[in-house]
C-alpha atoms as a PDB file:
ATOM      1  CA  MET A   1      -5.084  21.576  20.736  1.00  0.00           C
ATOM      2  CA  LEU A   2      -3.641  19.470  17.892  1.00  0.00           C
ATOM      3  CA  GLU A   3      -0.568  21.701  17.564  1.00  0.00           C
ATOM      4  CA  LEU A   4      -0.041  21.629  21.336  1.00  0.00           C
ATOM      5  CA  ALA A   5      -0.234  17.838  21.381  1.00  0.00           C
ATOM      6  CA  TYR A   6       2.195  17.585  18.480  1.00  0.00           C
ATOM      7  CA  SER A   7       4.548  20.074  20.149  1.00  0.00           C
ATOM      8  CA  LYS A   8       4.799  17.688  23.095  1.00  0.00           C
ATOM      9  CA  LEU A   9       5.373  14.745  20.774  1.00  0.00           C
ATOM     10  CA  LYS A  10       8.280  16.529  19.088  1.00  0.00           C
ATOM     11  CA  HIS A  11      10.266  16.343  22.300  1.00  0.00           C
ATOM     12  CA  MET A  12       9.812  12.600  22.703  1.00  0.00           C
ATOM     13  CA  ALA A  13      12.665  10.332  21.652  1.00  0.00           C
ATOM     14  CA  LYS A  14      11.968   8.419  18.444  1.00  0.00           C
ATOM     15  CA  ALA A  15      13.612   5.505  16.705  1.00  0.00           C
ATOM     16  CA  PHE A  16      13.240   4.532  13.068  1.00  0.00           C
ATOM     17  CA  LEU A  17      14.204   1.033  11.961  1.00  0.00           C
ATOM     18  CA  GLY A  18      14.721   0.399   8.252  1.00  0.00           C
ATOM     19  CA  MET A  19      16.398   3.048   6.125  1.00  0.00           C
ATOM     20  CA  GLY A  20      15.151   2.147   2.681  1.00  0.00           C
ATOM     21  CA  LEU A  21      13.827   4.831   0.335  1.00  0.00           C
ATOM     22  CA  LEU A  22      10.621   5.245   2.354  1.00  0.00           C
ATOM     23  CA  GLY A  23      12.122   5.067   5.841  1.00  0.00           C
ATOM     24  CA  SER A  24      15.015   7.409   5.076  1.00  0.00           C
ATOM     25  CA  ASN A  25      12.682  10.059   3.677  1.00  0.00           C
ATOM     26  CA  PHE A  26      10.360   9.741   6.660  1.00  0.00           C
ATOM     27  CA  VAL A  27      13.389  10.479   8.851  1.00  0.00           C
ATOM     28  CA  LYS A  28      14.454  13.459   6.729  1.00  0.00           C
ATOM     29  CA  ALA A  29      10.949  14.900   7.050  1.00  0.00           C
ATOM     30  CA  MET A  30      11.000  14.372  10.826  1.00  0.00           C
ATOM     31  CA  GLN A  31      14.343  16.125  11.082  1.00  0.00           C
ATOM     32  CA  LYS A  32      12.985  19.092   9.117  1.00  0.00           C
ATOM     33  CA  LYS A  33      10.212  19.343  11.715  1.00  0.00           C
ATOM     34  CA  GLY A  34      12.813  19.576  14.482  1.00  0.00           C
ATOM     35  CA  GLU A  35      12.476  16.030  15.803  1.00  0.00           C
ATOM     36  CA  LYS A  36      15.371  13.972  17.136  1.00  0.00           C
ATOM     37  CA  VAL A  37      15.480  10.528  15.584  1.00  0.00           C
ATOM     38  CA  ASN A  38      17.666   7.476  16.227  1.00  0.00           C
ATOM     39  CA  VAL A  39      18.067   5.354  13.092  1.00  0.00           C
ATOM     40  CA  TRP A  40      19.127   1.795  12.347  1.00  0.00           C
ATOM     41  CA  ASN A  41      19.485  -0.306   9.228  1.00  0.00           C
ATOM     42  CA  ARG A  42      20.934  -3.750   8.524  1.00  0.00           C
ATOM     43  CA  THR A  43      23.444  -2.022   6.261  1.00  0.00           C
ATOM     44  CA  THR A  44      24.861   0.470   8.751  1.00  0.00           C
ATOM     45  CA  SER A  45      26.105   2.861   6.084  1.00  0.00           C
ATOM     46  CA  LYS A  46      22.514   3.596   5.017  1.00  0.00           C
ATOM     47  CA  ALA A  47      21.697   4.684   8.559  1.00  0.00           C
ATOM     48  CA  GLN A  48      24.904   6.723   8.803  1.00  0.00           C
ATOM     49  CA  GLU A  49      23.884   8.627   5.654  1.00  0.00           C
ATOM     50  CA  LEU A  50      21.038  10.131   7.678  1.00  0.00           C
ATOM     51  CA  GLU A  51      23.434  11.721  10.161  1.00  0.00           C
ATOM     52  CA  LYS A  52      24.083  14.537   7.713  1.00  0.00           C
ATOM     53  CA  PHE A  53      20.397  15.422   8.137  1.00  0.00           C
ATOM     54  CA  GLY A  54      20.637  15.380  11.941  1.00  0.00           C
ATOM     55  CA  ALA A  55      19.687  11.801  12.785  1.00  0.00           C
ATOM     56  CA  LYS A  56      21.792   9.607  15.078  1.00  0.00           C
ATOM     57  CA  ALA A  57      22.795   6.261  13.572  1.00  0.00           C
ATOM     58  CA  PHE A  58      23.348   3.070  15.556  1.00  0.00           C
ATOM     59  CA  LYS A  59      25.048  -0.154  14.553  1.00  0.00           C
ATOM     60  CA  ASN A  60      23.010  -2.272  16.983  1.00  0.00           C
ATOM     61  CA  VAL A  61      19.224  -2.119  16.807  1.00  0.00           C
ATOM     62  CA  GLU A  62      18.815  -2.556  20.575  1.00  0.00           C
ATOM     63  CA  ASP A  63      20.861   0.622  21.107  1.00  0.00           C
ATOM     64  CA  ALA A  64      18.822   2.580  18.556  1.00  0.00           C
ATOM     65  CA  VAL A  65      15.576   2.051  20.471  1.00  0.00           C
ATOM     66  CA  LYS A  66      16.862   2.843  23.957  1.00  0.00           C
ATOM     67  CA  GLY A  67      14.944   5.775  25.442  1.00  0.00           C
ATOM     68  CA  ALA A  68      12.541   5.916  22.469  1.00  0.00           C
ATOM     69  CA  ASP A  69       8.842   6.327  23.180  1.00  0.00           C
ATOM     70  CA  ARG A  70       7.972   5.760  19.509  1.00  0.00           C
ATOM     71  CA  ILE A  71       9.591   3.050  17.422  1.00  0.00           C
ATOM     72  CA  HIS A  72       8.774   3.368  13.713  1.00  0.00           C
ATOM     73  CA  VAL A  73       9.419   0.421  11.426  1.00  0.00           C
ATOM     74  CA  THR A  74       9.695   0.235   7.616  1.00  0.00           C
ATOM     75  CA  LEU A  75      11.004  -3.190   6.703  1.00  0.00           C
ATOM     76  CA  LYS A  76      10.372  -5.838   4.029  1.00  0.00           C
ATOM     77  CA  ASP A  77       7.801  -8.313   5.326  1.00  0.00           C
ATOM     78  CA  ASP A  78       6.364 -10.157   8.326  1.00  0.00           C
ATOM     79  CA  ALA A  79       9.516 -12.196   8.915  1.00  0.00           C
ATOM     80  CA  SER A  80      11.856  -9.190   8.915  1.00  0.00           C
ATOM     81  CA  VAL A  81       9.549  -7.200  11.201  1.00  0.00           C
ATOM     82  CA  ASP A  82       9.339 -10.060  13.689  1.00  0.00           C
ATOM     83  CA  GLU A  83      13.092 -10.648  13.613  1.00  0.00           C
ATOM     84  CA  VAL A  84      14.101  -7.003  14.013  1.00  0.00           C
ATOM     85  CA  LEU A  85      11.552  -6.210  16.717  1.00  0.00           C
ATOM     86  CA  GLU A  86      12.592  -9.270  18.714  1.00  0.00           C
ATOM     87  CA  LYS A  87      16.235  -8.173  18.635  1.00  0.00           C
ATOM     88  CA  ALA A  88      15.318  -4.562  19.373  1.00  0.00           C
ATOM     89  CA  SER A  89      13.070  -5.452  22.311  1.00  0.00           C
ATOM     90  CA  VAL A  90      16.124  -5.893  24.546  1.00  0.00           C
ATOM     91  CA  GLY A  91      16.451  -2.116  24.502  1.00  0.00           C
ATOM     92  CA  PHE A  92      12.753  -1.148  24.594  1.00  0.00           C
ATOM     93  CA  THR A  93      11.744   1.525  27.067  1.00  0.00           C
ATOM     94  CA  PRO A  94       8.731   0.495  29.198  1.00  0.00           C
ATOM     95  CA  GLY A  95       5.563   1.805  27.558  1.00  0.00           C
ATOM     96  CA  ALA A  96       7.182   2.310  24.139  1.00  0.00           C
ATOM     97  CA  ILE A  97       4.799   2.202  21.170  1.00  0.00           C
ATOM     98  CA  ILE A  98       5.712   0.347  17.984  1.00  0.00           C
ATOM     99  CA  ILE A  99       4.415   1.942  14.773  1.00  0.00           C
ATOM    100  CA  ASP A 100       4.865  -0.398  11.827  1.00  0.00           C
ATOM    101  CA  HIS A 101       4.590   1.053   8.292  1.00  0.00           C
ATOM    102  CA  THR A 102       5.617  -2.215   6.609  1.00  0.00           C
ATOM    103  CA  THR A 103       3.257  -3.880   4.133  1.00  0.00           C
ATOM    104  CA  THR A 104       2.540  -7.200   5.847  1.00  0.00           C
ATOM    105  CA  SER A 105      -0.080  -9.926   5.962  1.00  0.00           C
ATOM    106  CA  LYS A 106      -3.346  -9.334   7.808  1.00  0.00           C
ATOM    107  CA  ASP A 107      -2.678 -12.304  10.084  1.00  0.00           C
ATOM    108  CA  GLY A 108       0.793 -11.000  10.880  1.00  0.00           C
ATOM    109  CA  ALA A 109      -0.534  -7.604  11.941  1.00  0.00           C
ATOM    110  CA  ILE A 110      -3.171  -9.215  14.171  1.00  0.00           C
ATOM    111  CA  LYS A 111      -0.601 -11.560  15.707  1.00  0.00           C
ATOM    112  CA  ARG A 112       1.899  -8.782  16.478  1.00  0.00           C
ATOM    113  CA  THR A 113      -0.794  -6.563  17.987  1.00  0.00           C
ATOM    114  CA  ALA A 114      -1.735  -9.307  20.446  1.00  0.00           C
ATOM    115  CA  GLU A 115       1.770 -10.583  21.187  1.00  0.00           C
ATOM    116  CA  TRP A 116       3.329  -7.197  21.904  1.00  0.00           C
ATOM    117  CA  LYS A 117       0.341  -6.323  24.087  1.00  0.00           C
ATOM    118  CA  LYS A 118       1.106  -9.394  26.194  1.00  0.00           C
ATOM    119  CA  LYS A 119       4.712  -8.211  26.508  1.00  0.00           C
ATOM    120  CA  GLY A 120       3.560  -4.800  27.767  1.00  0.00           C
ATOM    121  CA  PHE A 121       3.956  -2.802  24.556  1.00  0.00           C
ATOM    122  CA  GLU A 122       1.466  -1.337  22.107  1.00  0.00           C
ATOM    123  CA  TYR A 123       1.826  -2.186  18.430  1.00  0.00           C
ATOM    124  CA  GLN A 124       0.095  -0.056  15.795  1.00  0.00           C
ATOM    125  CA  HIS A 125       0.153  -1.147  12.176  1.00  0.00           C
ATOM    126  CA  ALA A 126       0.139   1.922   9.924  1.00  0.00           C
ATOM    127  CA  PRO A 127       0.871   0.914   6.306  1.00  0.00           C
ATOM    128  CA  VAL A 128       0.942   3.605   3.652  1.00  0.00           C
ATOM    129  CA  PHE A 129       0.065   4.440   0.074  1.00  0.00           C
ATOM    130  CA  MET A 130       3.106   6.679  -0.141  1.00  0.00           C
ATOM    131  CA  GLY A 131       6.229   6.692  -2.264  1.00  0.00           C
ATOM    132  CA  PRO A 132       9.572   8.157  -1.177  1.00  0.00           C
ATOM    133  CA  ALA A 133       8.572  11.626  -2.427  1.00  0.00           C
ATOM    134  CA  ASN A 134       5.373  11.470  -0.355  1.00  0.00           C
ATOM    135  CA  ALA A 135       7.318  10.485   2.755  1.00  0.00           C
ATOM    136  CA  LEU A 136       9.632  13.461   2.294  1.00  0.00           C
ATOM    137  CA  GLU A 137       6.785  15.899   1.605  1.00  0.00           C
ATOM    138  CA  SER A 138       4.336  14.398   4.159  1.00  0.00           C
ATOM    139  CA  THR A 139       1.717  13.711   1.494  1.00  0.00           C
ATOM    140  CA  GLY A 140      -0.123  10.557   0.412  1.00  0.00           C
ATOM    141  CA  TYR A 141      -2.178   8.212   2.576  1.00  0.00           C
ATOM    142  CA  MET A 142      -1.541   6.324   5.809  1.00  0.00           C
ATOM    143  CA  LEU A 143      -3.912   3.599   7.042  1.00  0.00           C
ATOM    144  CA  VAL A 144      -4.648   2.681  10.653  1.00  0.00           C
ATOM    145  CA  SER A 145      -7.095   0.397  12.430  1.00  0.00           C
ATOM    146  CA  GLY A 146      -7.389  -1.191  15.848  1.00  0.00           C
ATOM    147  CA  ASP A 147      -7.718   0.109  19.399  1.00  0.00           C
ATOM    148  CA  PRO A 148      -9.567   3.458  19.070  1.00  0.00           C
ATOM    149  CA  ALA A 149      -7.803   4.929  22.110  1.00  0.00           C
ATOM    150  CA  LEU A 150      -4.369   4.119  20.673  1.00  0.00           C
ATOM    151  CA  VAL A 151      -5.316   5.434  17.236  1.00  0.00           C
ATOM    152  CA  GLU A 152      -6.487   8.720  18.734  1.00  0.00           C
ATOM    153  CA  LYS A 153      -3.374   8.933  20.897  1.00  0.00           C
ATOM    154  CA  LEU A 154      -1.120   8.577  17.857  1.00  0.00           C
ATOM    155  CA  SER A 155      -3.202  10.610  15.402  1.00  0.00           C
ATOM    156  CA  PRO A 156      -1.513  14.000  16.006  1.00  0.00           C
ATOM    157  CA  GLU A 157       1.869  12.449  15.244  1.00  0.00           C
ATOM    158  CA  LEU A 158       0.783  10.314  12.300  1.00  0.00           C
ATOM    159  CA  GLU A 159      -1.220  13.111  10.682  1.00  0.00           C
ATOM    160  CA  LYS A 160       1.990  15.132  10.477  1.00  0.00           C
ATOM    161  CA  MET A 161       3.652  12.345   8.503  1.00  0.00           C
ATOM    162  CA  THR A 162       1.111  12.044   5.706  1.00  0.00           C
ATOM    163  CA  GLY A 163      -1.424  13.945   3.646  1.00  0.00           C
ATOM    164  CA  LYS A 164      -4.376  11.884   4.857  1.00  0.00           C
ATOM    165  CA  LEU A 165      -4.707   9.504   7.805  1.00  0.00           C
ATOM    166  CA  LEU A 166      -7.403   6.941   6.983  1.00  0.00           C
ATOM    167  CA  LYS A 167      -8.980   5.461  10.129  1.00  0.00           C
ATOM    168  CA  LEU A 168     -10.501   2.102   9.205  1.00  0.00           C
ATOM    169  CA  GLY A 169     -12.202   0.955  12.384  1.00  0.00           C
ATOM    170  CA  ASN A 170     -11.435  -1.217  15.401  1.00  0.00           C
ATOM    171  CA  GLU A 171     -10.200  -4.414  13.703  1.00  0.00           C
ATOM    172  CA  PRO A 172      -6.413  -4.724  14.191  1.00  0.00           C
ATOM    173  CA  GLY A 173      -5.780  -6.337  10.785  1.00  0.00           C
ATOM    174  CA  LYS A 174      -8.079  -4.122   8.717  1.00  0.00           C
ATOM    175  CA  ALA A 175      -5.369  -1.649   7.704  1.00  0.00           C
ATOM    176  CA  ALA A 176      -3.130  -4.510   6.557  1.00  0.00           C
ATOM    177  CA  ALA A 177      -5.961  -6.003   4.508  1.00  0.00           C
ATOM    178  CA  MET A 178      -6.848  -2.701   2.863  1.00  0.00           C
ATOM    179  CA  LYS A 179      -3.209  -2.064   2.011  1.00  0.00           C
ATOM    180  CA  LEU A 180      -2.979  -5.438   0.268  1.00  0.00           C
ATOM    181  CA  ILE A 181      -6.206  -4.781  -1.636  1.00  0.00           C
ATOM    182  CA  GLY A 182      -4.912  -1.414  -2.810  1.00  0.00           C
ATOM    183  CA  ASN A 183      -1.551  -2.817  -3.829  1.00  0.00           C
ATOM    184  CA  SER A 184      -3.201  -5.657  -5.737  1.00  0.00           C
ATOM    185  CA  PHE A 185      -5.031  -3.053  -7.802  1.00  0.00           C
ATOM    186  CA  LEU A 186      -1.843  -1.100  -8.454  1.00  0.00           C
ATOM    187  CA  ILE A 187      -0.048  -4.226  -9.644  1.00  0.00           C
ATOM    188  CA  CYS A 188      -2.917  -5.191 -11.950  1.00  0.00           C
ATOM    189  CA  PHE A 189      -3.170  -1.592 -13.153  1.00  0.00           C
ATOM    190  CA  THR A 190       0.483  -1.540 -14.200  1.00  0.00           C
ATOM    191  CA  SER A 191       0.097  -4.995 -15.752  1.00  0.00           C
ATOM    192  CA  SER A 192      -2.835  -3.633 -17.760  1.00  0.00           C
ATOM    193  CA  ILE A 193      -0.623  -0.826 -19.056  1.00  0.00           C
ATOM    194  CA  ARG A 194       1.933  -3.445 -20.074  1.00  0.00           C
ATOM    195  CA  GLU A 195      -0.827  -5.387 -21.852  1.00  0.00           C
ATOM    196  CA  ALA A 196      -1.995  -2.294 -23.729  1.00  0.00           C
ATOM    197  CA  LEU A 197       1.564  -1.424 -24.791  1.00  0.00           C
ATOM    198  CA  SER A 198       2.123  -5.020 -25.902  1.00  0.00           C
ATOM    199  CA  LEU A 199      -1.009  -4.868 -28.038  1.00  0.00           C
ATOM    200  CA  ALA A 200       0.161  -1.532 -29.439  1.00  0.00           C
ATOM    201  CA  LYS A 201       3.416  -3.232 -30.410  1.00  0.00           C
ATOM    202  CA  ALA A 202       1.474  -5.998 -32.144  1.00  0.00           C
ATOM    203  CA  LEU A 203      -0.585  -3.422 -34.037  1.00  0.00           C
ATOM    204  CA  ASN A 204       2.466  -1.270 -34.911  1.00  0.00           C
ATOM    205  CA  VAL A 205       1.175   1.730 -32.952  1.00  0.00           C
ATOM    206  CA  PRO A 206       3.956   3.940 -31.463  1.00  0.00           C
ATOM    207  CA  THR A 207       4.011   4.222 -27.674  1.00  0.00           C
ATOM    208  CA  GLU A 208       3.763   8.019 -27.902  1.00  0.00           C
ATOM    209  CA  ASP A 209       0.403   7.594 -29.645  1.00  0.00           C
ATOM    210  CA  VAL A 210      -0.773   5.343 -26.816  1.00  0.00           C
ATOM    211  CA  THR A 211       0.349   7.990 -24.329  1.00  0.00           C
ATOM    212  CA  ALA A 212      -1.552  10.652 -26.257  1.00  0.00           C
ATOM    213  CA  LEU A 213      -4.697   8.500 -26.289  1.00  0.00           C
ATOM    214  CA  PHE A 214      -4.719   7.912 -22.529  1.00  0.00           C
ATOM    215  CA  THR A 215      -3.843  11.538 -21.857  1.00  0.00           C
ATOM    216  CA  ALA A 216      -6.906  12.668 -23.813  1.00  0.00           C
ATOM    217  CA  TRP A 217      -9.134   9.793 -22.653  1.00  0.00           C
ATOM    218  CA  ASN A 218      -8.560   8.704 -19.075  1.00  0.00           C
ATOM    219  CA  PRO A 219     -10.327   5.378 -18.387  1.00  0.00           C
ATOM    220  CA  GLY A 220      -9.261   5.668 -14.752  1.00  0.00           C
ATOM    221  CA  MET A 221     -12.081   8.167 -14.300  1.00  0.00           C
ATOM    222  CA  GLN A 222     -14.496   5.248 -14.655  1.00  0.00           C
ATOM    223  CA  LEU A 223     -13.192   3.427 -11.590  1.00  0.00           C
ATOM    224  CA  ALA A 224     -15.717   4.665  -9.011  1.00  0.00           C
ATOM    225  CA  SER A 225     -18.762   4.179 -11.252  1.00  0.00           C
ATOM    226  CA  ARG A 226     -17.527   0.784 -12.466  1.00  0.00           C
ATOM    227  CA  LEU A 227     -16.966  -0.376  -8.879  1.00  0.00           C
ATOM    228  CA  GLN A 228     -20.426   0.855  -7.903  1.00  0.00           C
ATOM    229  CA  LYS A 229     -21.985  -1.032 -10.815  1.00  0.00           C
ATOM    230  CA  ILE A 230     -20.244  -4.269  -9.841  1.00  0.00           C
ATOM    231  CA  THR A 231     -20.916  -4.049  -6.097  1.00  0.00           C
ATOM    232  CA  GLY A 232     -24.516  -3.048  -6.855  1.00  0.00           C
ATOM    233  CA  LYS A 233     -24.804  -6.124  -9.124  1.00  0.00           C
ATOM    234  CA  ASP A 234     -26.285  -3.965 -11.865  1.00  0.00           C
ATOM    235  CA  PHE A 235     -25.695  -6.343 -14.760  1.00  0.00           C
ATOM    236  CA  ASP A 236     -29.091  -6.326 -16.449  1.00  0.00           C
ATOM    237  CA  ASN A 237     -28.742  -2.900 -18.105  1.00  0.00           C
ATOM    238  CA  PRO A 238     -25.630  -3.315 -20.246  1.00  0.00           C
ATOM    239  CA  SER A 239     -23.582  -0.454 -21.569  1.00  0.00           C
ATOM    240  CA  TRP A 240     -21.316  -3.049 -23.211  1.00  0.00           C
ATOM    241  CA  GLU A 241     -22.588  -6.589 -23.566  1.00  0.00           C
ATOM    242  CA  LEU A 242     -20.317  -9.422 -22.504  1.00  0.00           C
ATOM    243  CA  ASN A 243     -20.655 -11.041 -25.944  1.00  0.00           C
ATOM    244  CA  MET A 244     -19.306  -7.861 -27.568  1.00  0.00           C
ATOM    245  CA  ALA A 245     -16.499  -7.480 -25.035  1.00  0.00           C
ATOM    246  CA  ARG A 246     -15.514 -11.104 -25.730  1.00  0.00           C
ATOM    247  CA  LYS A 247     -15.511 -10.397 -29.482  1.00  0.00           C
ATOM    248  CA  ASP A 248     -13.097  -7.504 -28.933  1.00  0.00           C
ATOM    249  CA  THR A 249     -10.950  -9.695 -26.709  1.00  0.00           C
ATOM    250  CA  ARG A 250     -10.724 -12.196 -29.552  1.00  0.00           C
ATOM    251  CA  LEU A 251      -9.442  -9.408 -31.795  1.00  0.00           C
ATOM    252  CA  PHE A 252      -6.776  -8.482 -29.210  1.00  0.00           C
ATOM    253  CA  LEU A 253      -5.597 -12.071 -28.967  1.00  0.00           C
ATOM    254  CA  GLU A 254      -5.566 -12.603 -32.728  1.00  0.00           C
ATOM    255  CA  ALA A 255      -3.513  -9.460 -33.336  1.00  0.00           C
ATOM    256  CA  ALA A 256      -0.992 -10.455 -30.671  1.00  0.00           C
ATOM    257  CA  GLU A 257      -0.684 -14.024 -31.949  1.00  0.00           C
ATOM    258  CA  LYS A 258      -0.203 -12.854 -35.528  1.00  0.00           C
ATOM    259  CA  SER A 259       2.689 -10.616 -34.472  1.00  0.00           C
ATOM    260  CA  GLY A 260       4.218 -13.075 -32.027  1.00  0.00           C
ATOM    261  CA  VAL A 261       3.556 -10.784 -29.055  1.00  0.00           C
ATOM    262  CA  HIS A 262       2.895 -12.481 -25.715  1.00  0.00           C
ATOM    263  CA  LEU A 263      -0.036 -11.199 -23.666  1.00  0.00           C
ATOM    264  CA  THR A 264      -0.238 -12.209 -20.005  1.00  0.00           C
ATOM    265  CA  LEU A 265      -3.640 -11.007 -18.742  1.00  0.00           C
ATOM    266  CA  LEU A 266      -6.046 -11.154 -21.663  1.00  0.00           C
ATOM    267  CA  PRO A 267      -5.901 -14.913 -22.332  1.00  0.00           C
ATOM    268  CA  ASP A 268      -7.024 -15.597 -18.742  1.00  0.00           C
ATOM    269  CA  ILE A 269      -9.681 -12.896 -18.964  1.00  0.00           C
ATOM    270  CA  ALA A 270     -11.004 -14.511 -22.147  1.00  0.00           C
ATOM    271  CA  GLU A 271     -11.421 -17.792 -20.258  1.00  0.00           C
ATOM    272  CA  VAL A 272     -13.383 -16.054 -17.511  1.00  0.00           C
ATOM    273  CA  MET A 273     -15.594 -14.372 -20.106  1.00  0.00           C
ATOM    274  CA  ASP A 274     -16.283 -17.722 -21.796  1.00  0.00           C
ATOM    275  CA  LYS A 275     -17.372 -19.264 -18.495  1.00  0.00           C
ATOM    276  CA  TRP A 276     -19.899 -16.498 -17.888  1.00  0.00           C
ATOM    277  CA  ILE A 277     -21.181 -16.673 -21.458  1.00  0.00           C
ATOM    278  CA  GLN A 278     -21.664 -20.428 -21.021  1.00  0.00           C
ATOM    279  CA  LYS A 279     -23.697 -19.666 -17.881  1.00  0.00           C
ATOM    280  CA  GLY A 280     -26.061 -17.587 -20.018  1.00  0.00           C
ATOM    281  CA  PHE A 281     -24.800 -14.072 -19.261  1.00  0.00           C
ATOM    282  CA  GLY A 282     -23.650 -13.161 -22.783  1.00  0.00           C
ATOM    283  CA  ASN A 283     -26.226 -10.359 -23.090  1.00  0.00           C
ATOM    284  CA  SER A 284     -25.511  -8.974 -19.622  1.00  0.00           C
ATOM    285  CA  ASP A 285     -23.195  -6.054 -18.935  1.00  0.00           C
ATOM    286  CA  TRP A 286     -19.655  -7.313 -19.353  1.00  0.00           C
ATOM    287  CA  THR A 287     -18.834  -6.426 -15.749  1.00  0.00           C
ATOM    288  CA  VAL A 288     -20.807  -9.556 -14.801  1.00  0.00           C
ATOM    289  CA  ILE A 289     -17.443 -11.363 -14.943  1.00  0.00           C
ATOM    290  CA  ALA A 290     -16.847  -9.899 -11.447  1.00  0.00           C
ATOM    291  CA  LYS A 291     -20.192 -11.114 -10.098  1.00  0.00           C
ATOM    292  CA  ASP A 292     -18.713 -13.976  -8.099  1.00  0.00           C
ATOM    293  CA  ALA A 293     -16.320 -11.578  -6.352  1.00  0.00           C
ATOM    294  CA  VAL A 294     -19.208  -9.720  -4.707  1.00  0.00           C
ATOM    295  CA  GLU A 295     -21.453 -12.681  -3.948  1.00  0.00           C
ATOM    296  CA  ALA A 296     -21.634 -14.003  -0.382  1.00  0.00           C
END
């Protein structure tokens, strides 16, 4: 049944607005699957590049969406999505569905869902945890939430674009919120790598040795259990006391200061640790510093 539904979808006209690294690879993947796609980009030459893969490029966005039942969007932010969709709407086919893969605000996704509904069109926010390679290979994760009937209607098509379609419930802005939460972690994760490499520089440890350490010992494996400990508020049975974690943090900061290396995260973390120690949690598990994040 799924293949039959997707076979029908293949013959529908599609438009893709925004030919950045992600959007262009989504289009290439669609073309490989035998789909016909109209493409548009602010810089027309980027859209024209996709013609060698079988897409049809348009200079004007309103022309790109004419006759399209599905209008995919991969743009920069709320403002660009609103601007482009407003211009494109002149050429919208009645009943066309907008599928927006842009990382936007939660409020923006909710607002667009309601506003386009009033105008007679369905808007589905579908942000992704996918890089360009994922878009080309149809792997990674795509997030959707909102009207269950619309989500189910689009699922056969969206499931072909990604490795895993995560359905997050009926709230229109939930997918946007979860995307922001995930991206916040990725940004902090990379910043933590920068912090570790900066400390390595202060301690005269070669970067290849740091790479070898984290290849042999992967602290990322602790994520699920650490999250469970924090959300379960299990701070009374410490595996690493906050006082001891703060002592180590002092050593990090001293080594960096001695070598003139600037750390960006650890000084702020030290301040948070001190506040919780002052509250009397020095002998608690060090993860208690996240206690206020899970309290009502």
